[in-house]
PDB file of N, CA and C in Angstrom:
ATOM      1  N   MET A   1      40.034  50.704  35.732  1.00  0.00           N
ATOM      2  CA  MET A   1      38.989  50.332  36.325  1.00  0.00           C
ATOM      3  C   MET A   1      38.802  50.163  37.757  1.00  0.00           C
ATOM      4  N   THR A   2      37.872  50.793  38.331  1.00  0.00           N
ATOM      5  CA  THR A   2      37.597  50.488  39.969  1.00  0.00           C
ATOM      6  C   THR A   2      36.404  50.029  40.284  1.00  0.00           C
ATOM      7  N   ALA A   3      36.003  49.166  40.897  1.00  0.00           N
ATOM      8  CA  ALA A   3      35.001  48.522  41.518  1.00  0.00           C
ATOM      9  C   ALA A   3      35.164  47.960  42.983  1.00  0.00           C
ATOM     10  N   THR A   4      33.946  48.046  43.753  1.00  0.00           N
ATOM     11  CA  THR A   4      33.952  47.752  44.997  1.00  0.00           C
ATOM     12  C   THR A   4      32.932  46.744  45.449  1.00  0.00           C
ATOM     13  N   ALA A   5      33.497  45.852  46.441  1.00  0.00           N
ATOM     14  CA  ALA A   5      32.382  44.538  46.815  1.00  0.00           C
ATOM     15  C   ALA A   5      33.009  44.475  48.315  1.00  0.00           C
ATOM     16  N   LYS A   6      31.743  43.920  49.018  1.00  0.00           N
ATOM     17  CA  LYS A   6      31.973  43.715  50.553  1.00  0.00           C
ATOM     18  C   LYS A   6      32.465  42.271  50.598  1.00  0.00           C
ATOM     19  N   ILE A   7      33.090  42.298  51.646  1.00  0.00           N
ATOM     20  CA  ILE A   7      33.390  40.659  52.224  1.00  0.00           C
ATOM     21  C   ILE A   7      32.279  40.083  53.142  1.00  0.00           C
ATOM     22  N   THR A   8      31.897  38.929  53.028  1.00  0.00           N
ATOM     23  CA  THR A   8      30.741  38.331  53.857  1.00  0.00           C
ATOM     24  C   THR A   8      31.561  37.923  55.151  1.00  0.00           C
ATOM     25  N   SER A   9      30.831  37.516  56.169  1.00  0.00           N
ATOM     26  CA  SER A   9      31.405  36.857  57.499  1.00  0.00           C
ATOM     27  C   SER A   9      32.195  35.758  56.992  1.00  0.00           C
ATOM     28  N   GLN A  10      31.845  35.067  56.091  1.00  0.00           N
ATOM     29  CA  GLN A  10      32.428  33.615  55.799  1.00  0.00           C
ATOM     30  C   GLN A  10      33.696  34.099  54.649  1.00  0.00           C
ATOM     31  N   GLY A  11      34.137  35.227  54.585  1.00  0.00           N
ATOM     32  CA  GLY A  11      35.098  35.632  53.670  1.00  0.00           C
ATOM     33  C   GLY A  11      34.905  35.495  52.243  1.00  0.00           C
ATOM     34  N   GLN A  12      33.615  35.583  51.976  1.00  0.00           N
ATOM     35  CA  GLN A  12      33.095  35.410  50.549  1.00  0.00           C
ATOM     36  C   GLN A  12      32.901  36.745  49.961  1.00  0.00           C
ATOM     37  N   THR A  13      33.045  36.993  48.900  1.00  0.00           N
ATOM     38  CA  THR A  13      32.534  38.186  47.974  1.00  0.00           C
ATOM     39  C   THR A  13      32.203  38.141  46.657  1.00  0.00           C
ATOM     40  N   THR A  14      31.368  38.914  46.125  1.00  0.00           N
ATOM     41  CA  THR A  14      31.094  38.812  44.646  1.00  0.00           C
ATOM     42  C   THR A  14      31.847  39.691  43.719  1.00  0.00           C
ATOM     43  N   VAL A  15      32.438  38.985  42.718  1.00  0.00           N
ATOM     44  CA  VAL A  15      33.172  39.663  41.985  1.00  0.00           C
ATOM     45  C   VAL A  15      32.096  40.689  40.797  1.00  0.00           C
ATOM     46  N   PRO A  16      32.384  41.947  40.914  1.00  0.00           N
ATOM     47  CA  PRO A  16      31.589  42.995  40.324  1.00  0.00           C
ATOM     48  C   PRO A  16      31.302  42.684  38.877  1.00  0.00           C
ATOM     49  N   ALA A  17      30.204  42.738  38.229  1.00  0.00           N
ATOM     50  CA  ALA A  17      29.993  42.236  36.607  1.00  0.00           C
ATOM     51  C   ALA A  17      31.067  43.178  35.855  1.00  0.00           C
ATOM     52  N   SER A  18      31.269  44.195  36.232  1.00  0.00           N
ATOM     53  CA  SER A  18      32.522  44.902  35.399  1.00  0.00           C
ATOM     54  C   SER A  18      33.567  44.258  35.242  1.00  0.00           C
ATOM     55  N   VAL A  19      34.035  43.586  36.383  1.00  0.00           N
ATOM     56  CA  VAL A  19      35.348  42.907  36.410  1.00  0.00           C
ATOM     57  C   VAL A  19      35.194  41.648  35.752  1.00  0.00           C
ATOM     58  N   ARG A  20      34.122  40.855  36.129  1.00  0.00           N
ATOM     59  CA  ARG A  20      33.907  39.681  35.355  1.00  0.00           C
ATOM     60  C   ARG A  20      33.989  39.979  33.860  1.00  0.00           C
ATOM     61  N   LYS A  21      33.279  41.172  33.461  1.00  0.00           N
ATOM     62  CA  LYS A  21      33.270  41.170  32.021  1.00  0.00           C
ATOM     63  C   LYS A  21      34.590  41.406  31.573  1.00  0.00           C
ATOM     64  N   ALA A  22      35.325  42.427  32.232  1.00  0.00           N
ATOM     65  CA  ALA A  22      36.730  42.599  31.762  1.00  0.00           C
ATOM     66  C   ALA A  22      37.640  41.219  31.710  1.00  0.00           C
ATOM     67  N   LEU A  23      37.482  40.325  32.722  1.00  0.00           N
ATOM     68  CA  LEU A  23      38.345  39.110  32.741  1.00  0.00           C
ATOM     69  C   LEU A  23      37.823  37.966  32.004  1.00  0.00           C
ATOM     70  N   GLY A  24      36.625  38.201  31.216  1.00  0.00           N
ATOM     71  CA  GLY A  24      36.010  37.194  30.615  1.00  0.00           C
ATOM     72  C   GLY A  24      35.873  36.000  31.557  1.00  0.00           C
ATOM     73  N   VAL A  25      35.294  36.091  32.519  1.00  0.00           N
ATOM     74  CA  VAL A  25      34.996  34.938  33.309  1.00  0.00           C
ATOM     75  C   VAL A  25      33.444  34.755  33.680  1.00  0.00           C
ATOM     76  N   LYS A  26      33.226  33.550  33.855  1.00  0.00           N
ATOM     77  CA  LYS A  26      31.756  33.243  34.354  1.00  0.00           C
ATOM     78  C   LYS A  26      31.633  32.238  35.369  1.00  0.00           C
ATOM     79  N   ALA A  27      30.413  31.797  35.989  1.00  0.00           N
ATOM     80  CA  ALA A  27      30.299  30.878  36.971  1.00  0.00           C
ATOM     81  C   ALA A  27      31.168  29.574  36.787  1.00  0.00           C
ATOM     82  N   GLY A  28      31.820  29.189  37.864  1.00  0.00           N
ATOM     83  CA  GLY A  28      32.617  28.070  37.594  1.00  0.00           C
ATOM     84  C   GLY A  28      34.098  28.163  37.276  1.00  0.00           C
ATOM     85  N   ASP A  29      34.348  29.152  36.683  1.00  0.00           N
ATOM     86  CA  ASP A  29      35.675  29.653  36.146  1.00  0.00           C
ATOM     87  C   ASP A  29      36.490  29.939  37.605  1.00  0.00           C
ATOM     88  N   SER A  30      37.809  29.887  37.460  1.00  0.00           N
ATOM     89  CA  SER A  30      38.965  30.112  38.783  1.00  0.00           C
ATOM     90  C   SER A  30      39.515  31.581  38.563  1.00  0.00           C
ATOM     91  N   LEU A  31      39.691  31.816  39.723  1.00  0.00           N
ATOM     92  CA  LEU A  31      40.676  33.186  39.682  1.00  0.00           C
ATOM     93  C   LEU A  31      41.758  32.995  40.369  1.00  0.00           C
ATOM     94  N   ILE A  32      42.888  33.635  40.061  1.00  0.00           N
ATOM     95  CA  ILE A  32      44.347  33.707  40.597  1.00  0.00           C
ATOM     96  C   ILE A  32      44.334  34.858  41.340  1.00  0.00           C
ATOM     97  N   TRP A  33      44.713  35.098  42.752  1.00  0.00           N
ATOM     98  CA  TRP A  33      44.959  36.184  43.540  1.00  0.00           C
ATOM     99  C   TRP A  33      46.203  36.090  43.803  1.00  0.00           C
ATOM    100  N   GLU A  34      46.711  37.469  43.416  1.00  0.00           N
ATOM    101  CA  GLU A  34      48.322  37.506  43.567  1.00  0.00           C
ATOM    102  C   GLU A  34      48.628  38.644  44.715  1.00  0.00           C
ATOM    103  N   LEU A  35      49.176  38.425  45.798  1.00  0.00           N
ATOM    104  CA  LEU A  35      49.480  39.547  46.523  1.00  0.00           C
ATOM    105  C   LEU A  35      50.914  39.958  46.437  1.00  0.00           C
ATOM    106  N   ASP A  36      50.904  41.288  46.441  1.00  0.00           N
ATOM    107  CA  ASP A  36      52.360  41.899  46.057  1.00  0.00           C
ATOM    108  C   ASP A  36      53.029  42.343  47.316  1.00  0.00           C
ATOM    109  N   ALA A  37      54.252  42.654  47.280  1.00  0.00           N
ATOM    110  CA  ALA A  37      55.118  42.913  48.628  1.00  0.00           C
ATOM    111  C   ALA A  37      54.348  44.135  49.414  1.00  0.00           C
ATOM    112  N   ASP A  38      53.976  45.164  48.426  1.00  0.00           N
ATOM    113  CA  ASP A  38      53.215  46.344  48.919  1.00  0.00           C
ATOM    114  C   ASP A  38      51.773  46.412  49.184  1.00  0.00           C
ATOM    115  N   GLN A  39      51.205  45.178  49.479  1.00  0.00           N
ATOM    116  CA  GLN A  39      50.134  44.795  50.014  1.00  0.00           C
ATOM    117  C   GLN A  39      48.945  45.275  48.948  1.00  0.00           C
ATOM    118  N   THR A  40      49.141  45.267  47.914  1.00  0.00           N
ATOM    119  CA  THR A  40      48.217  45.366  46.667  1.00  0.00           C
ATOM    120  C   THR A  40      47.925  44.040  46.187  1.00  0.00           C
ATOM    121  N   VAL A  41      46.909  43.779  45.591  1.00  0.00           N
ATOM    122  CA  VAL A  41      46.396  42.485  45.234  1.00  0.00           C
ATOM    123  C   VAL A  41      45.959  42.672  43.545  1.00  0.00           C
ATOM    124  N   ARG A  42      46.648  41.465  42.858  1.00  0.00           N
ATOM    125  CA  ARG A  42      46.065  41.540  41.420  1.00  0.00           C
ATOM    126  C   ARG A  42      45.291  40.243  41.186  1.00  0.00           C
ATOM    127  N   VAL A  43      44.184  40.231  40.516  1.00  0.00           N
ATOM    128  CA  VAL A  43      43.299  39.031  40.268  1.00  0.00           C
ATOM    129  C   VAL A  43      43.513  38.957  38.778  1.00  0.00           C
ATOM    130  N   ARG A  44      43.530  37.656  38.324  1.00  0.00           N
ATOM    131  CA  ARG A  44      43.713  37.394  36.967  1.00  0.00           C
ATOM    132  C   ARG A  44      42.580  35.982  36.823  1.00  0.00           C
ATOM    133  N   ARG A  45      42.473  35.994  35.568  1.00  0.00           N
ATOM    134  CA  ARG A  45      41.537  34.760  35.115  1.00  0.00           C
ATOM    135  C   ARG A  45      42.571  33.437  35.240  1.00  0.00           C
ATOM    136  N   ALA A  46      42.441  32.426  35.708  1.00  0.00           N
ATOM    137  CA  ALA A  46      43.120  31.173  35.704  1.00  0.00           C
ATOM    138  C   ALA A  46      42.881  30.568  34.216  1.00  0.00           C
ATOM    139  N   VAL A  47      44.105  30.219  33.443  1.00  0.00           N
ATOM    140  CA  VAL A  47      43.903  29.509  32.240  1.00  0.00           C
ATOM    141  C   VAL A  47      44.311  28.133  32.534  1.00  0.00           C
ATOM    142  N   ALA A  48      43.387  27.183  31.873  1.00  0.00           N
ATOM    143  CA  ALA A  48      43.698  25.724  32.079  1.00  0.00           C
ATOM    144  C   ALA A  48      44.890  25.398  31.318  1.00  0.00           C
ATOM    145  N   LEU A  49      45.613  24.309  31.737  1.00  0.00           N
ATOM    146  CA  LEU A  49      46.602  24.063  31.247  1.00  0.00           C
ATOM    147  C   LEU A  49      46.484  23.189  29.982  1.00  0.00           C
ATOM    148  N   ASP A  50      47.419  23.242  29.012  1.00  0.00           N
ATOM    149  CA  ASP A  50      47.447  22.485  27.781  1.00  0.00           C
ATOM    150  C   ASP A  50      48.067  21.242  28.046  1.00  0.00           C
ATOM    151  N   VAL A  51      47.141  20.283  28.393  1.00  0.00           N
ATOM    152  CA  VAL A  51      47.684  18.715  28.871  1.00  0.00           C
ATOM    153  C   VAL A  51      48.469  18.303  27.668  1.00  0.00           C
ATOM    154  N   ASP A  52      47.872  18.245  26.448  1.00  0.00           N
ATOM    155  CA  ASP A  52      48.597  17.671  25.416  1.00  0.00           C
ATOM    156  C   ASP A  52      49.795  18.286  25.193  1.00  0.00           C
ATOM    157  N   TYR A  53      50.200  19.587  25.194  1.00  0.00           N
ATOM    158  CA  TYR A  53      51.333  20.156  25.011  1.00  0.00           C
ATOM    159  C   TYR A  53      52.396  19.612  26.365  1.00  0.00           C
ATOM    160  N   LEU A  54      51.883  19.555  27.533  1.00  0.00           N
ATOM    161  CA  LEU A  54      52.761  19.234  28.628  1.00  0.00           C
ATOM    162  C   LEU A  54      53.203  17.804  28.228  1.00  0.00           C
ATOM    163  N   GLU A  55      52.387  17.090  27.892  1.00  0.00           N
ATOM    164  CA  GLU A  55      52.618  15.464  27.844  1.00  0.00           C
ATOM    165  C   GLU A  55      53.550  15.473  26.677  1.00  0.00           C
ATOM    166  N   GLY A  56      53.545  16.153  25.771  1.00  0.00           N
ATOM    167  CA  GLY A  56      54.466  16.127  24.566  1.00  0.00           C
ATOM    168  C   GLY A  56      56.011  16.657  25.108  1.00  0.00           C
ATOM    169  N   LEU A  57      55.876  17.531  25.792  1.00  0.00           N
ATOM    170  CA  LEU A  57      57.128  18.167  26.445  1.00  0.00           C
ATOM    171  C   LEU A  57      57.679  17.158  27.372  1.00  0.00           C
ATOM    172  N   GLU A  58      57.035  16.663  28.187  1.00  0.00           N
ATOM    173  CA  GLU A  58      57.642  15.778  28.992  1.00  0.00           C
ATOM    174  C   GLU A  58      58.245  14.513  28.270  1.00  0.00           C
ATOM    175  N   LYS A  59      57.701  14.299  27.085  1.00  0.00           N
ATOM    176  CA  LYS A  59      58.624  13.087  26.594  1.00  0.00           C
ATOM    177  C   LYS A  59      59.816  13.395  25.863  1.00  0.00           C
ATOM    178  N   THR A  60      59.844  14.716  25.618  1.00  0.00           N
ATOM    179  CA  THR A  60      61.250  15.390  25.079  1.00  0.00           C
ATOM    180  C   THR A  60      62.222  15.395  26.130  1.00  0.00           C
ATOM    181  N   LEU A  61      61.843  15.328  27.399  1.00  0.00           N
ATOM    182  CA  LEU A  61      62.772  15.351  28.771  1.00  0.00           C
ATOM    183  C   LEU A  61      63.303  14.013  29.275  1.00  0.00           C
ATOM    184  N   GLN A  62      62.940  12.951  28.690  1.00  0.00           N
ATOM    185  CA  GLN A  62      63.179  11.694  29.183  1.00  0.00           C
ATOM    186  C   GLN A  62      64.737  11.410  29.404  1.00  0.00           C
ATOM    187  N   GLU A  63      65.443  12.219  28.636  1.00  0.00           N
ATOM    188  CA  GLU A  63      66.871  11.806  29.002  1.00  0.00           C
ATOM    189  C   GLU A  63      67.611  12.374  30.531  1.00  0.00           C
ATOM    190  N   TRP A  64      66.493  13.163  30.930  1.00  0.00           N
ATOM    191  CA  TRP A  64      67.021  13.689  32.286  1.00  0.00           C
ATOM    192  C   TRP A  64      66.220  12.947  33.601  1.00  0.00           C
ATOM    193  N   SER A  65      65.784  11.771  33.308  1.00  0.00           N
ATOM    194  CA  SER A  65      64.607  10.918  34.298  1.00  0.00           C
ATOM    195  C   SER A  65      65.522   9.728  34.815  1.00  0.00           C
ATOM    196  N   SER A  66      66.710   9.647  34.604  1.00  0.00           N
ATOM    197  CA  SER A  66      67.292   8.182  34.942  1.00  0.00           C
ATOM    198  C   SER A  66      67.305   8.316  36.548  1.00  0.00           C
ATOM    199  N   GLN A  67      67.457   7.018  37.140  1.00  0.00           N
ATOM    200  CA  GLN A  67      67.734   6.889  38.701  1.00  0.00           C
ATOM    201  C   GLN A  67      69.053   7.781  39.087  1.00  0.00           C
ATOM    202  N   ALA A  68      70.097   7.533  38.342  1.00  0.00           N
ATOM    203  CA  ALA A  68      71.392   8.356  38.225  1.00  0.00           C
ATOM    204  C   ALA A  68      70.900  10.144  38.655  1.00  0.00           C
ATOM    205  N   ASP A  69      70.044  10.552  37.760  1.00  0.00           N
ATOM    206  CA  ASP A  69      69.757  11.724  37.788  1.00  0.00           C
ATOM    207  C   ASP A  69      69.123  11.955  39.125  1.00  0.00           C
ATOM    208  N   GLU A  70      68.027  11.237  39.440  1.00  0.00           N
ATOM    209  CA  GLU A  70      67.240  11.401  40.600  1.00  0.00           C
ATOM    210  C   GLU A  70      68.078  11.478  42.014  1.00  0.00           C
ATOM    211  N   ASP A  71      69.101  10.220  41.866  1.00  0.00           N
ATOM    212  CA  ASP A  71      70.297  10.420  43.088  1.00  0.00           C
ATOM    213  C   ASP A  71      70.986  11.831  43.280  1.00  0.00           C
ATOM    214  N   ALA A  72      71.441  12.129  41.837  1.00  0.00           N
ATOM    215  CA  ALA A  72      72.387  13.201  41.855  1.00  0.00           C
ATOM    216  C   ALA A  72      71.966  14.597  42.450  1.00  0.00           C
ATOM    217  N   TYR A  73      70.532  14.851  41.991  1.00  0.00           N
ATOM    218  CA  TYR A  73      69.679  16.017  42.160  1.00  0.00           C
ATOM    219  C   TYR A  73      68.707  16.040  43.235  1.00  0.00           C
ATOM    220  N   ARG A  74      68.666  15.007  44.092  1.00  0.00           N
ATOM    221  CA  ARG A  74      67.690  14.932  44.993  1.00  0.00           C
ATOM    222  C   ARG A  74      67.593  15.898  46.173  1.00  0.00           C
ATOM    223  N   GLU A  75      68.861  16.398  46.468  1.00  0.00           N
ATOM    224  CA  GLU A  75      68.891  17.206  47.535  1.00  0.00           C
ATOM    225  C   GLU A  75      68.753  18.957  47.087  1.00  0.00           C
ATOM    226  N   LEU A  76      68.599  19.163  45.941  1.00  0.00           N
ATOM    227  CA  LEU A  76      68.592  20.664  45.269  1.00  0.00           C
ATOM    228  C   LEU A  76      67.292  21.199  45.794  1.00  0.00           C
TER     229      LEU A  76
END
């Protein structure tokens, strides 16, 4: 798919309707812009983090959160 949009003097642009539909985004959603080494840009829909999952995962990692661990790995 190819779509064209202009950039305003304030650096803003409108995401073409065909791209919004393909990404499944609407007003208020966030996009992630990724610039590759060859100067191409990829745009993708930002997905909200699953906070409950991350909090559950954090609880399983408590064995690595002692002061001794903080001291040992601080400089990494």
